[in-house]
């Protein structure tokens, strides 16, 4: 009998401790987790979009999370994303919507709220 593959959450954050905490939390909730410390490293990697969502930090050296979403959309790699930031002002405005963000989370975030946002992103179908 075939086994159902776990949904994949791709975490892109330049802060190692944040990635580690998210990895632990998401794996405990039953997700497969891929981690990248920069947007460019994710772009240099092949990954499958179905059953996948992104959990992106807004502020990172180089390409920021919103720009990464825009680049992925422009290249046809439509992956629903959850943007996260320590500053509420970073997640306001039309830019996050244009980037295809399904949800926004403010650090520090409640574990259950984060998991709801990830599950919502995984249910979102590409346009």
PDB file of N, CA and C in Angstrom:
ATOM      1  N   UNK A   1       0.842  -1.179   0.000  1.00  0.00           N
ATOM      2  CA  UNK A   1       0.000   0.000   0.000  1.00  0.00           C
ATOM      3  C   UNK A   1       0.892   1.248   0.000  1.00  0.00           C
ATOM      4  N   UNK A   2       0.670   2.192  -0.933  1.00  0.00           N
ATOM      5  CA  UNK A   2       1.523   3.381  -0.989  1.00  0.00           C
ATOM      6  C   UNK A   2       1.321   4.259   0.244  1.00  0.00           C
ATOM      7  N   UNK A   3       2.421   4.875   0.647  1.00  0.00           N
ATOM      8  CA  UNK A   3       2.337   5.791   1.787  1.00  0.00           C
ATOM      9  C   UNK A   3       2.187   7.215   1.277  1.00  0.00           C
ATOM     10  N   UNK A   4       1.404   7.978   1.987  1.00  0.00           N
ATOM     11  CA  UNK A   4       1.191   9.371   1.602  1.00  0.00           C
ATOM     12  C   UNK A   4       2.405  10.182   2.054  1.00  0.00           C
ATOM     13  N   UNK A   5       2.940  11.004   1.133  1.00  0.00           N
ATOM     14  CA  UNK A   5       4.108  11.802   1.494  1.00  0.00           C
ATOM     15  C   UNK A   5       3.682  12.979   2.376  1.00  0.00           C
ATOM     16  N   UNK A   6       4.581  13.361   3.228  1.00  0.00           N
ATOM     17  CA  UNK A   6       4.318  14.480   4.126  1.00  0.00           C
ATOM     18  C   UNK A   6       4.336  15.786   3.346  1.00  0.00           C
ATOM     19  N   UNK A   7       3.469  16.743   3.719  1.00  0.00           N
ATOM     20  CA  UNK A   7       3.558  18.074   3.117  1.00  0.00           C
ATOM     21  C   UNK A   7       4.918  18.685   3.451  1.00  0.00           C
ATOM     22  N   UNK A   8       5.409  19.492   2.531  1.00  0.00           N
ATOM     23  CA  UNK A   8       6.738  20.096   2.699  1.00  0.00           C
ATOM     24  C   UNK A   8       6.604  21.579   3.000  1.00  0.00           C
ATOM     25  N   UNK A   9       7.318  22.013   4.026  1.00  0.00           N
ATOM     26  CA  UNK A   9       7.414  23.433   4.353  1.00  0.00           C
ATOM     27  C   UNK A   9       8.860  23.839   4.129  1.00  0.00           C
ATOM     28  N   UNK A  10       9.047  24.813   3.255  1.00  0.00           N
ATOM     29  CA  UNK A  10      10.388  25.332   2.983  1.00  0.00           C
ATOM     30  C   UNK A  10      10.568  26.599   3.814  1.00  0.00           C
ATOM     31  N   UNK A  11      11.502  26.548   4.747  1.00  0.00           N
ATOM     32  CA  UNK A  11      11.783  27.679   5.633  1.00  0.00           C
ATOM     33  C   UNK A  11      12.981  28.432   5.071  1.00  0.00           C
ATOM     34  N   UNK A  12      12.794  29.733   4.827  1.00  0.00           N
ATOM     35  CA  UNK A  12      13.883  30.574   4.345  1.00  0.00           C
ATOM     36  C   UNK A  12      14.056  31.722   5.347  1.00  0.00           C
ATOM     37  N   UNK A  13      15.135  31.655   6.106  1.00  0.00           N
ATOM     38  CA  UNK A  13      15.406  32.660   7.131  1.00  0.00           C
ATOM     39  C   UNK A  13      16.909  32.681   7.369  1.00  0.00           C
ATOM     40  N   UNK A  14      17.480  33.863   7.466  1.00  0.00           N
ATOM     41  CA  UNK A  14      18.919  33.962   7.668  1.00  0.00           C
ATOM     42  C   UNK A  14      19.342  33.676   9.105  1.00  0.00           C
ATOM     43  N   UNK A  15      18.397  33.597  10.025  1.00  0.00           N
ATOM     44  CA  UNK A  15      18.715  33.357  11.431  1.00  0.00           C
ATOM     45  C   UNK A  15      18.651  31.857  11.744  1.00  0.00           C
ATOM     46  N   UNK A  16      19.791  31.292  12.089  1.00  0.00           N
ATOM     47  CA  UNK A  16      19.884  29.857  12.330  1.00  0.00           C
ATOM     48  C   UNK A  16      18.993  29.403  13.484  1.00  0.00           C
ATOM     49  N   UNK A  17      18.917  30.171  14.565  1.00  0.00           N
ATOM     50  CA  UNK A  17      18.099  29.755  15.703  1.00  0.00           C
ATOM     51  C   UNK A  17      16.612  29.755  15.346  1.00  0.00           C
ATOM     52  N   UNK A  18      16.184  30.679  14.507  1.00  0.00           N
ATOM     53  CA  UNK A  18      14.789  30.694  14.053  1.00  0.00           C
ATOM     54  C   UNK A  18      14.513  29.464  13.191  1.00  0.00           C
ATOM     55  N   UNK A  19      15.421  29.166  12.269  1.00  0.00           N
ATOM     56  CA  UNK A  19      15.237  27.979  11.423  1.00  0.00           C
ATOM     57  C   UNK A  19      15.168  26.709  12.272  1.00  0.00           C
ATOM     58  N   UNK A  20      16.043  26.606  13.255  1.00  0.00           N
ATOM     59  CA  UNK A  20      16.070  25.423  14.122  1.00  0.00           C
ATOM     60  C   UNK A  20      14.754  25.284  14.889  1.00  0.00           C
ATOM     61  N   UNK A  21      14.265  26.383  15.456  1.00  0.00           N
ATOM     62  CA  UNK A  21      13.013  26.336  16.218  1.00  0.00           C
ATOM     63  C   UNK A  21      11.836  25.972  15.312  1.00  0.00           C
ATOM     64  N   UNK A  22      11.790  26.565  14.123  1.00  0.00           N
ATOM     65  CA  UNK A  22      10.718  26.260  13.184  1.00  0.00           C
ATOM     66  C   UNK A  22      10.785  24.811  12.711  1.00  0.00           C
ATOM     67  N   UNK A  23      11.997  24.322  12.452  1.00  0.00           N
ATOM     68  CA  UNK A  23      12.179  22.929  12.024  1.00  0.00           C
ATOM     69  C   UNK A  23      11.614  21.974  13.085  1.00  0.00           C
ATOM     70  N   UNK A  24      11.973  22.206  14.336  1.00  0.00           N
ATOM     71  CA  UNK A  24      11.492  21.351  15.419  1.00  0.00           C
ATOM     72  C   UNK A  24       9.971  21.390  15.514  1.00  0.00           C
ATOM     73  N   UNK A  25       9.415  22.574  15.502  1.00  0.00           N
ATOM     74  CA  UNK A  25       7.973  22.763  15.620  1.00  0.00           C
ATOM     75  C   UNK A  25       7.219  22.127  14.450  1.00  0.00           C
ATOM     76  N   UNK A  26       7.689  22.362  13.248  1.00  0.00           N
ATOM     77  CA  UNK A  26       7.004  21.858  12.056  1.00  0.00           C
ATOM     78  C   UNK A  26       7.127  20.336  11.922  1.00  0.00           C
ATOM     79  N   UNK A  27       8.292  19.796  12.235  1.00  0.00           N
ATOM     80  CA  UNK A  27       8.445  18.335  12.178  1.00  0.00           C
ATOM     81  C   UNK A  27       7.553  17.658  13.211  1.00  0.00           C
ATOM     82  N   UNK A  28       7.469  18.246  14.388  1.00  0.00           N
ATOM     83  CA  UNK A  28       6.603  17.705  15.432  1.00  0.00           C
ATOM     84  C   UNK A  28       5.145  17.682  14.962  1.00  0.00           C
ATOM     85  N   UNK A  29       4.771  18.643  14.124  1.00  0.00           N
ATOM     86  CA  UNK A  29       3.403  18.728  13.607  1.00  0.00           C
ATOM     87  C   UNK A  29       3.192  17.838  12.377  1.00  0.00           C
ATOM     88  N   UNK A  30       4.229  17.121  11.943  1.00  0.00           N
ATOM     89  CA  UNK A  30       4.073  16.165  10.856  1.00  0.00           C
ATOM     90  C   UNK A  30       4.492  16.631   9.476  1.00  0.00           C
ATOM     91  N   UNK A  31       5.215  17.741   9.396  1.00  0.00           N
ATOM     92  CA  UNK A  31       5.660  18.255   8.102  1.00  0.00           C
ATOM     93  C   UNK A  31       7.102  17.849   7.822  1.00  0.00           C
ATOM     94  N   UNK A  32       7.419  17.716   6.545  1.00  0.00           N
ATOM     95  CA  UNK A  32       8.814  17.602   6.122  1.00  0.00           C
ATOM     96  C   UNK A  32       9.315  19.031   5.983  1.00  0.00           C
ATOM     97  N   UNK A  33      10.520  19.299   6.437  1.00  0.00           N
ATOM     98  CA  UNK A  33      11.038  20.666   6.444  1.00  0.00           C
ATOM     99  C   UNK A  33      12.337  20.733   5.652  1.00  0.00           C
ATOM    100  N   UNK A  34      12.397  21.698   4.725  1.00  0.00           N
ATOM    101  CA  UNK A  34      13.632  22.034   4.023  1.00  0.00           C
ATOM    102  C   UNK A  34      14.019  23.427   4.483  1.00  0.00           C
ATOM    103  N   UNK A  35      15.300  23.644   4.726  1.00  0.00           N
ATOM    104  CA  UNK A  35      15.747  24.938   5.253  1.00  0.00           C
ATOM    105  C   UNK A  35      16.784  25.576   4.342  1.00  0.00           C
ATOM    106  N   UNK A  36      16.670  26.910   4.231  1.00  0.00           N
ATOM    107  CA  UNK A  36      17.640  27.690   3.469  1.00  0.00           C
ATOM    108  C   UNK A  36      17.924  28.967   4.242  1.00  0.00           C
ATOM    109  N   UNK A  37      19.183  29.393   4.220  1.00  0.00           N
ATOM    110  CA  UNK A  37      19.536  30.621   4.943  1.00  0.00           C
ATOM    111  C   UNK A  37      19.524  31.852   4.048  1.00  0.00           C
ATOM    112  N   UNK A  38      19.144  31.668   2.774  1.00  0.00           N
ATOM    113  CA  UNK A  38      19.023  32.814   1.873  1.00  0.00           C
ATOM    114  C   UNK A  38      18.059  32.484   0.736  1.00  0.00           C
ATOM    115  N   UNK A  39      17.499  33.527   0.177  1.00  0.00           N
ATOM    116  CA  UNK A  39      16.595  33.364  -0.961  1.00  0.00           C
ATOM    117  C   UNK A  39      17.341  32.764  -2.149  1.00  0.00           C
ATOM    118  N   UNK A  40      18.558  33.208  -2.376  1.00  0.00           N
ATOM    119  CA  UNK A  40      19.319  32.722  -3.527  1.00  0.00           C
ATOM    120  C   UNK A  40      19.578  31.226  -3.442  1.00  0.00           C
ATOM    121  N   UNK A  41      19.851  30.708  -2.251  1.00  0.00           N
ATOM    122  CA  UNK A  41      20.084  29.264  -2.118  1.00  0.00           C
ATOM    123  C   UNK A  41      18.830  28.477  -2.472  1.00  0.00           C
ATOM    124  N   UNK A  42      17.672  29.003  -2.116  1.00  0.00           N
ATOM    125  CA  UNK A  42      16.433  28.334  -2.520  1.00  0.00           C
ATOM    126  C   UNK A  42      16.281  28.379  -4.034  1.00  0.00           C
ATOM    127  N   UNK A  43      16.535  29.528  -4.643  1.00  0.00           N
ATOM    128  CA  UNK A  43      16.402  29.659  -6.093  1.00  0.00           C
ATOM    129  C   UNK A  43      17.352  28.732  -6.844  1.00  0.00           C
ATOM    130  N   UNK A  44      18.492  28.415  -6.248  1.00  0.00           N
ATOM    131  CA  UNK A  44      19.477  27.530  -6.873  1.00  0.00           C
ATOM    132  C   UNK A  44      19.130  26.050  -6.705  1.00  0.00           C
ATOM    133  N   UNK A  45      18.017  25.765  -6.037  1.00  0.00           N
ATOM    134  CA  UNK A  45      17.622  24.389  -5.725  1.00  0.00           C
ATOM    135  C   UNK A  45      16.369  24.005  -6.499  1.00  0.00           C
ATOM    136  N   UNK A  46      16.326  22.777  -6.944  1.00  0.00           N
ATOM    137  CA  UNK A  46      15.112  22.238  -7.568  1.00  0.00           C
ATOM    138  C   UNK A  46      14.221  21.708  -6.461  1.00  0.00           C
ATOM    139  N   UNK A  47      12.959  22.044  -6.534  1.00  0.00           N
ATOM    140  CA  UNK A  47      11.997  21.491  -5.579  1.00  0.00           C
ATOM    141  C   UNK A  47      10.651  21.390  -6.259  1.00  0.00           C
ATOM    142  N   UNK A  48       9.843  20.493  -5.765  1.00  0.00           N
ATOM    143  CA  UNK A  48       8.513  20.272  -6.319  1.00  0.00           C
ATOM    144  C   UNK A  48       7.523  21.204  -5.641  1.00  0.00           C
ATOM    145  N   UNK A  49       6.667  21.852  -6.425  1.00  0.00           N
ATOM    146  CA  UNK A  49       5.696  22.786  -5.871  1.00  0.00           C
ATOM    147  C   UNK A  49       4.470  22.126  -5.243  1.00  0.00           C
ATOM    148  N   UNK A  50       3.904  21.069  -5.835  1.00  0.00           N
ATOM    149  CA  UNK A  50       2.706  20.485  -5.228  1.00  0.00           C
ATOM    150  C   UNK A  50       2.982  19.979  -3.809  1.00  0.00           C
ATOM    151  N   UNK A  51       2.066  20.273  -2.894  1.00  0.00           N
ATOM    152  CA  UNK A  51       2.225  19.847  -1.508  1.00  0.00           C
ATOM    153  C   UNK A  51       3.319  20.571  -0.770  1.00  0.00           C
ATOM    154  N   UNK A  52       3.646  21.782  -1.241  1.00  0.00           N
ATOM    155  CA  UNK A  52       4.738  22.555  -0.662  1.00  0.00           C
ATOM    156  C   UNK A  52       4.279  23.972  -0.367  1.00  0.00           C
ATOM    157  N   UNK A  53       4.772  24.536   0.727  1.00  0.00           N
ATOM    158  CA  UNK A  53       4.566  25.961   0.986  1.00  0.00           C
ATOM    159  C   UNK A  53       5.865  26.563   1.514  1.00  0.00           C
ATOM    160  N   UNK A  54       5.933  27.875   1.432  1.00  0.00           N
ATOM    161  CA  UNK A  54       7.109  28.616   1.892  1.00  0.00           C
ATOM    162  C   UNK A  54       6.794  29.329   3.192  1.00  0.00           C
ATOM    163  N   UNK A  55       7.763  29.372   4.080  1.00  0.00           N
ATOM    164  CA  UNK A  55       7.707  30.165   5.295  1.00  0.00           C
ATOM    165  C   UNK A  55       8.925  31.070   5.233  1.00  0.00           C
ATOM    166  N   UNK A  56       8.690  32.357   4.921  1.00  0.00           N
ATOM    167  CA  UNK A  56       9.775  33.265   4.563  1.00  0.00           C
ATOM    168  C   UNK A  56       9.921  34.429   5.515  1.00  0.00           C
ATOM    169  N   UNK A  57      11.151  34.706   5.867  1.00  0.00           N
ATOM    170  CA  UNK A  57      11.444  35.920   6.611  1.00  0.00           C
ATOM    171  C   UNK A  57      11.387  37.092   5.628  1.00  0.00           C
ATOM    172  N   UNK A  58      10.831  38.203   6.066  1.00  0.00           N
ATOM    173  CA  UNK A  58      10.755  39.378   5.192  1.00  0.00           C
ATOM    174  C   UNK A  58      12.138  39.988   5.003  1.00  0.00           C
ATOM    175  N   UNK A  59      12.883  40.175   6.091  1.00  0.00           N
ATOM    176  CA  UNK A  59      14.196  40.831   6.001  1.00  0.00           C
ATOM    177  C   UNK A  59      15.325  39.822   6.084  1.00  0.00           C
ATOM    178  N   UNK A  60      16.094  39.746   4.992  1.00  0.00           N
ATOM    179  CA  UNK A  60      17.280  38.903   4.929  1.00  0.00           C
ATOM    180  C   UNK A  60      18.310  39.640   4.090  1.00  0.00           C
ATOM    181  N   UNK A  61      19.571  39.341   4.287  1.00  0.00           N
ATOM    182  CA  UNK A  61      20.581  39.936   3.401  1.00  0.00           C
ATOM    183  C   UNK A  61      20.324  39.496   1.965  1.00  0.00           C
ATOM    184  N   UNK A  62      20.608  40.363   1.036  1.00  0.00           N
ATOM    185  CA  UNK A  62      20.362  40.026  -0.374  1.00  0.00           C
ATOM    186  C   UNK A  62      18.888  40.189  -0.683  1.00  0.00           C
ATOM    187  N   UNK A  63      18.316  39.189  -1.289  1.00  0.00           N
ATOM    188  CA  UNK A  63      16.907  39.228  -1.681  1.00  0.00           C
ATOM    189  C   UNK A  63      16.011  39.008  -0.466  1.00  0.00           C
ATOM    190  N   UNK A  64      15.033  39.899  -0.289  1.00  0.00           N
ATOM    191  CA  UNK A  64      14.110  39.761   0.839  1.00  0.00           C
ATOM    192  C   UNK A  64      12.967  38.808   0.470  1.00  0.00           C
ATOM    193  N   UNK A  65      12.200  38.388   1.469  1.00  0.00           N
ATOM    194  CA  UNK A  65      11.146  37.404   1.273  1.00  0.00           C
ATOM    195  C   UNK A  65      10.117  37.779   0.225  1.00  0.00           C
ATOM    196  N   UNK A  66       9.689  39.034   0.217  1.00  0.00           N
ATOM    197  CA  UNK A  66       8.687  39.472  -0.758  1.00  0.00           C
ATOM    198  C   UNK A  66       9.255  39.381  -2.177  1.00  0.00           C
ATOM    199  N   UNK A  67      10.490  39.783  -2.351  1.00  0.00           N
ATOM    200  CA  UNK A  67      11.127  39.684  -3.674  1.00  0.00           C
ATOM    201  C   UNK A  67      11.250  38.230  -4.117  1.00  0.00           C
ATOM    202  N   UNK A  68      11.569  37.344  -3.188  1.00  0.00           N
ATOM    203  CA  UNK A  68      11.673  35.927  -3.520  1.00  0.00           C
ATOM    204  C   UNK A  68      10.337  35.403  -4.044  1.00  0.00           C
ATOM    205  N   UNK A  69       9.252  35.743  -3.371  1.00  0.00           N
ATOM    206  CA  UNK A  69       7.921  35.336  -3.846  1.00  0.00           C
ATOM    207  C   UNK A  69       7.661  35.845  -5.258  1.00  0.00           C
ATOM    208  N   UNK A  70       8.005  37.100  -5.499  1.00  0.00           N
ATOM    209  CA  UNK A  70       7.788  37.692  -6.816  1.00  0.00           C
ATOM    210  C   UNK A  70       8.613  36.992  -7.896  1.00  0.00           C
ATOM    211  N   UNK A  71       9.856  36.656  -7.590  1.00  0.00           N
ATOM    212  CA  UNK A  71      10.715  35.953  -8.552  1.00  0.00           C
ATOM    213  C   UNK A  71      10.154  34.562  -8.846  1.00  0.00           C
ATOM    214  N   UNK A  72       9.719  33.854  -7.814  1.00  0.00           N
ATOM    215  CA  UNK A  72       9.153  32.529  -8.016  1.00  0.00           C
ATOM    216  C   UNK A  72       7.891  32.604  -8.881  1.00  0.00           C
ATOM    217  N   UNK A  73       7.021  33.572  -8.594  1.00  0.00           N
ATOM    218  CA  UNK A  73       5.798  33.743  -9.394  1.00  0.00           C
ATOM    219  C   UNK A  73       6.132  34.043 -10.851  1.00  0.00           C
ATOM    220  N   UNK A  74       7.086  34.944 -11.073  1.00  0.00           N
ATOM    221  CA  UNK A  74       7.459  35.337 -12.435  1.00  0.00           C
ATOM    222  C   UNK A  74       8.060  34.174 -13.220  1.00  0.00           C
ATOM    223  N   UNK A  75       8.691  33.236 -12.512  1.00  0.00           N
ATOM    224  CA  UNK A  75       9.311  32.099 -13.196  1.00  0.00           C
ATOM    225  C   UNK A  75       8.353  30.914 -13.336  1.00  0.00           C
ATOM    226  N   UNK A  76       7.105  31.092 -12.877  1.00  0.00           N
ATOM    227  CA  UNK A  76       6.127  30.021 -12.991  1.00  0.00           C
ATOM    228  C   UNK A  76       6.155  29.021 -11.858  1.00  0.00           C
ATOM    229  N   UNK A  77       6.967  29.244 -10.860  1.00  0.00           N
ATOM    230  CA  UNK A  77       7.038  28.347  -9.703  1.00  0.00           C
ATOM    231  C   UNK A  77       6.121  28.910  -8.620  1.00  0.00           C
ATOM    232  N   UNK A  78       4.837  28.629  -8.763  1.00  0.00           N
ATOM    233  CA  UNK A  78       3.855  29.188  -7.836  1.00  0.00           C
ATOM    234  C   UNK A  78       3.776  28.330  -6.585  1.00  0.00           C
ATOM    235  N   UNK A  79       4.294  28.875  -5.498  1.00  0.00           N
ATOM    236  CA  UNK A  79       4.288  28.179  -4.222  1.00  0.00           C
ATOM    237  C   UNK A  79       3.680  29.122  -3.196  1.00  0.00           C
ATOM    238  N   UNK A  80       2.597  28.714  -2.536  1.00  0.00           N
ATOM    239  CA  UNK A  80       1.990  29.597  -1.541  1.00  0.00           C
ATOM    240  C   UNK A  80       2.972  29.881  -0.412  1.00  0.00           C
ATOM    241  N   UNK A  81       2.926  31.116   0.073  1.00  0.00           N
ATOM    242  CA  UNK A  81       3.883  31.508   1.092  1.00  0.00           C
ATOM    243  C   UNK A  81       3.258  32.177   2.295  1.00  0.00           C
ATOM    244  N   UNK A  82       3.951  32.018   3.419  1.00  0.00           N
ATOM    245  CA  UNK A  82       3.628  32.712   4.657  1.00  0.00           C
ATOM    246  C   UNK A  82       4.831  33.597   4.944  1.00  0.00           C
ATOM    247  N   UNK A  83       4.584  34.902   5.009  1.00  0.00           N
ATOM    248  CA  UNK A  83       5.662  35.845   5.310  1.00  0.00           C
ATOM    249  C   UNK A  83       5.713  36.081   6.810  1.00  0.00           C
ATOM    250  N   UNK A  84       6.924  36.202   7.346  1.00  0.00           N
ATOM    251  CA  UNK A  84       7.077  36.459   8.775  1.00  0.00           C
ATOM    252  C   UNK A  84       8.064  37.594   8.993  1.00  0.00           C
ATOM    253  N   UNK A  85       7.780  38.392  10.015  1.00  0.00           N
ATOM    254  CA  UNK A  85       8.625  39.538  10.310  1.00  0.00           C
ATOM    255  C   UNK A  85       8.473  39.926  11.771  1.00  0.00           C
ATOM    256  N   UNK A  86       9.503  40.554  12.300  1.00  0.00           N
ATOM    257  CA  UNK A  86       9.444  41.076  13.662  1.00  0.00           C
ATOM    258  C   UNK A  86       8.759  42.435  13.690  1.00  0.00           C
ATOM    259  N   UNK A  87       8.639  43.097  12.533  1.00  0.00           N
ATOM    260  CA  UNK A  87       8.037  44.423  12.474  1.00  0.00           C
ATOM    261  C   UNK A  87       6.724  44.412  11.736  1.00  0.00           C
ATOM    262  N   UNK A  88       5.654  44.821  12.388  1.00  0.00           N
ATOM    263  CA  UNK A  88       4.324  44.813  11.778  1.00  0.00           C
ATOM    264  C   UNK A  88       4.275  45.660  10.512  1.00  0.00           C
ATOM    265  N   UNK A  89       5.012  46.753  10.482  1.00  0.00           N
ATOM    266  CA  UNK A  89       4.984  47.618   9.305  1.00  0.00           C
ATOM    267  C   UNK A  89       5.547  46.920   8.066  1.00  0.00           C
ATOM    268  N   UNK A  90       6.369  45.894   8.257  1.00  0.00           N
ATOM    269  CA  UNK A  90       6.957  45.166   7.138  1.00  0.00           C
ATOM    270  C   UNK A  90       5.935  44.342   6.370  1.00  0.00           C
ATOM    271  N   UNK A  91       4.826  44.013   7.001  1.00  0.00           N
ATOM    272  CA  UNK A  91       3.859  43.112   6.391  1.00  0.00           C
ATOM    273  C   UNK A  91       2.577  43.813   5.978  1.00  0.00           C
ATOM    274  N   UNK A  92       2.601  45.124   5.981  1.00  0.00           N
ATOM    275  CA  UNK A  92       1.434  45.879   5.554  1.00  0.00           C
ATOM    276  C   UNK A  92       1.562  46.218   4.080  1.00  0.00           C
ATOM    277  N   UNK A  93       0.446  46.595   3.497  1.00  0.00           N
ATOM    278  CA  UNK A  93       0.484  47.116   2.143  1.00  0.00           C
ATOM    279  C   UNK A  93       0.256  46.083   1.074  1.00  0.00           C
ATOM    280  N   UNK A  94       0.252  46.589  -0.140  1.00  0.00           N
ATOM    281  CA  UNK A  94      -0.090  45.777  -1.293  1.00  0.00           C
ATOM    282  C   UNK A  94       1.030  44.850  -1.722  1.00  0.00           C
ATOM    283  N   UNK A  95       2.267  45.157  -1.348  1.00  0.00           N
ATOM    284  CA  UNK A  95       3.400  44.353  -1.808  1.00  0.00           C
ATOM    285  C   UNK A  95       3.272  42.900  -1.377  1.00  0.00           C
ATOM    286  N   UNK A  96       2.813  42.643  -0.161  1.00  0.00           N
ATOM    287  CA  UNK A  96       2.709  41.259   0.293  1.00  0.00           C
ATOM    288  C   UNK A  96       1.645  40.504  -0.494  1.00  0.00           C
ATOM    289  N   UNK A  97       0.557  41.163  -0.853  1.00  0.00           N
ATOM    290  CA  UNK A  97      -0.478  40.521  -1.666  1.00  0.00           C
ATOM    291  C   UNK A  97       0.001  40.241  -3.074  1.00  0.00           C
ATOM    292  N   UNK A  98       0.693  41.197  -3.686  1.00  0.00           N
ATOM    293  CA  UNK A  98       1.228  41.004  -5.040  1.00  0.00           C
ATOM    294  C   UNK A  98       2.245  39.871  -5.063  1.00  0.00           C
ATOM    295  N   UNK A  99       2.920  39.658  -3.947  1.00  0.00           N
ATOM    296  CA  UNK A  99       3.940  38.616  -3.887  1.00  0.00           C
ATOM    297  C   UNK A  99       3.333  37.228  -3.724  1.00  0.00           C
ATOM    298  N   UNK A 100       2.011  37.155  -3.563  1.00  0.00           N
ATOM    299  CA  UNK A 100       1.360  35.864  -3.440  1.00  0.00           C
ATOM    300  C   UNK A 100       1.328  35.315  -2.036  1.00  0.00           C
ATOM    301  N   UNK A 101       1.552  36.152  -1.047  1.00  0.00           N
ATOM    302  CA  UNK A 101       1.529  35.686   0.335  1.00  0.00           C
ATOM    303  C   UNK A 101       0.110  35.299   0.733  1.00  0.00           C
ATOM    304  N   UNK A 102      -0.033  34.133   1.298  1.00  0.00           N
ATOM    305  CA  UNK A 102      -1.319  33.641   1.756  1.00  0.00           C
ATOM    306  C   UNK A 102      -1.605  34.169   3.153  1.00  0.00           C
ATOM    307  N   UNK A 103      -0.547  34.335   3.946  1.00  0.00           N
ATOM    308  CA  UNK A 103      -0.705  34.762   5.325  1.00  0.00           C
ATOM    309  C   UNK A 103       0.535  35.521   5.767  1.00  0.00           C
ATOM    310  N   UNK A 104       0.371  36.247   6.864  1.00  0.00           N
ATOM    311  CA  UNK A 104       1.478  37.003   7.455  1.00  0.00           C
ATOM    312  C   UNK A 104       1.527  36.680   8.941  1.00  0.00           C
ATOM    313  N   UNK A 105       2.701  36.468   9.458  1.00  0.00           N
ATOM    314  CA  UNK A 105       2.890  36.180  10.878  1.00  0.00           C
ATOM    315  C   UNK A 105       3.932  37.127  11.432  1.00  0.00           C
ATOM    316  N   UNK A 106       3.669  37.607  12.626  1.00  0.00           N
ATOM    317  CA  UNK A 106       4.593  38.519  13.299  1.00  0.00           C
ATOM    318  C   UNK A 106       5.363  37.763  14.375  1.00  0.00           C
ATOM    319  N   UNK A 107       6.677  37.943  14.383  1.00  0.00           N
ATOM    320  CA  UNK A 107       7.532  37.306  15.392  1.00  0.00           C
ATOM    321  C   UNK A 107       7.445  38.105  16.685  1.00  0.00           C
ATOM    322  N   UNK A 108       7.456  37.474  17.814  1.00  0.00           N
ATOM    323  CA  UNK A 108       7.344  36.026  17.988  1.00  0.00           C
ATOM    324  C   UNK A 108       5.904  35.588  17.749  1.00  0.00           C
ATOM    325  N   UNK A 109       5.727  34.397  17.212  1.00  0.00           N
ATOM    326  CA  UNK A 109       4.369  33.985  16.898  1.00  0.00           C
ATOM    327  C   UNK A 109       3.941  32.803  17.754  1.00  0.00           C
ATOM    328  N   UNK A 110       2.639  32.722  17.911  1.00  0.00           N
ATOM    329  CA  UNK A 110       2.003  31.635  18.624  1.00  0.00           C
ATOM    330  C   UNK A 110       2.106  30.383  17.757  1.00  0.00           C
ATOM    331  N   UNK A 111       2.463  29.262  18.357  1.00  0.00           N
ATOM    332  CA  UNK A 111       2.666  28.027  17.596  1.00  0.00           C
ATOM    333  C   UNK A 111       1.411  27.619  16.826  1.00  0.00           C
ATOM    334  N   UNK A 112       0.260  27.656  17.473  1.00  0.00           N
ATOM    335  CA  UNK A 112      -0.971  27.227  16.805  1.00  0.00           C
ATOM    336  C   UNK A 112      -1.325  28.159  15.643  1.00  0.00           C
ATOM    337  N   UNK A 113      -1.116  29.459  15.814  1.00  0.00           N
ATOM    338  CA  UNK A 113      -1.394  30.412  14.732  1.00  0.00           C
ATOM    339  C   UNK A 113      -0.471  30.156  13.543  1.00  0.00           C
ATOM    340  N   UNK A 114       0.780  29.847  13.813  1.00  0.00           N
ATOM    341  CA  UNK A 114       1.722  29.539  12.740  1.00  0.00           C
ATOM    342  C   UNK A 114       1.293  28.277  11.998  1.00  0.00           C
ATOM    343  N   UNK A 115       0.914  27.240  12.730  1.00  0.00           N
ATOM    344  CA  UNK A 115       0.494  25.999  12.093  1.00  0.00           C
ATOM    345  C   UNK A 115      -0.776  26.192  11.268  1.00  0.00           C
ATOM    346  N   UNK A 116      -1.700  27.024  11.748  1.00  0.00           N
ATOM    347  CA  UNK A 116      -2.903  27.330  10.960  1.00  0.00           C
ATOM    348  C   UNK A 116      -2.529  28.013   9.655  1.00  0.00           C
ATOM    349  N   UNK A 117      -1.577  28.959   9.723  1.00  0.00           N
ATOM    350  CA  UNK A 117      -1.142  29.679   8.523  1.00  0.00           C
ATOM    351  C   UNK A 117      -0.481  28.727   7.524  1.00  0.00           C
ATOM    352  N   UNK A 118       0.342  27.815   8.015  1.00  0.00           N
ATOM    353  CA  UNK A 118       1.009  26.847   7.140  1.00  0.00           C
ATOM    354  C   UNK A 118      -0.025  25.923   6.501  1.00  0.00           C
ATOM    355  N   UNK A 119      -0.960  25.438   7.282  1.00  0.00           N
ATOM    356  CA  UNK A 119      -2.003  24.551   6.730  1.00  0.00           C
ATOM    357  C   UNK A 119      -2.843  25.281   5.680  1.00  0.00           C
ATOM    358  N   UNK A 120      -3.150  26.558   5.939  1.00  0.00           N
ATOM    359  CA  UNK A 120      -3.900  27.349   4.966  1.00  0.00           C
ATOM    360  C   UNK A 120      -3.106  27.479   3.660  1.00  0.00           C
ATOM    361  N   UNK A 121      -1.814  27.749   3.777  1.00  0.00           N
ATOM    362  CA  UNK A 121      -0.970  27.878   2.582  1.00  0.00           C
ATOM    363  C   UNK A 121      -0.935  26.563   1.812  1.00  0.00           C
ATOM    364  N   UNK A 122      -0.863  25.443   2.507  1.00  0.00           N
ATOM    365  CA  UNK A 122      -0.809  24.150   1.830  1.00  0.00           C
ATOM    366  C   UNK A 122      -2.121  23.812   1.124  1.00  0.00           C
ATOM    367  N   UNK A 123      -3.225  24.364   1.583  1.00  0.00           N
ATOM    368  CA  UNK A 123      -4.531  24.139   0.930  1.00  0.00           C
ATOM    369  C   UNK A 123      -4.749  25.075  -0.269  1.00  0.00           C
ATOM    370  N   UNK A 124      -3.917  26.114  -0.399  1.00  0.00           N
ATOM    371  CA  UNK A 124      -4.081  27.094  -1.458  1.00  0.00           C
ATOM    372  C   UNK A 124      -3.611  26.527  -2.789  1.00  0.00           C
ATOM    373  N   UNK A 125      -4.456  26.637  -3.777  1.00  0.00           N
ATOM    374  CA  UNK A 125      -4.125  26.154  -5.122  1.00  0.00           C
ATOM    375  C   UNK A 125      -3.500  27.275  -5.930  1.00  0.00           C
ATOM    376  N   UNK A 126      -2.458  26.971  -6.706  1.00  0.00           N
ATOM    377  CA  UNK A 126      -1.872  28.001  -7.578  1.00  0.00           C
ATOM    378  C   UNK A 126      -2.914  28.547  -8.533  1.00  0.00           C
ATOM    379  N   UNK A 127      -2.759  29.819  -8.900  1.00  0.00           N
ATOM    380  CA  UNK A 127      -3.714  30.486  -9.805  1.00  0.00           C
ATOM    381  C   UNK A 127      -3.376  30.218 -11.241  1.00  0.00           C
TER     382      UNK A 127
END
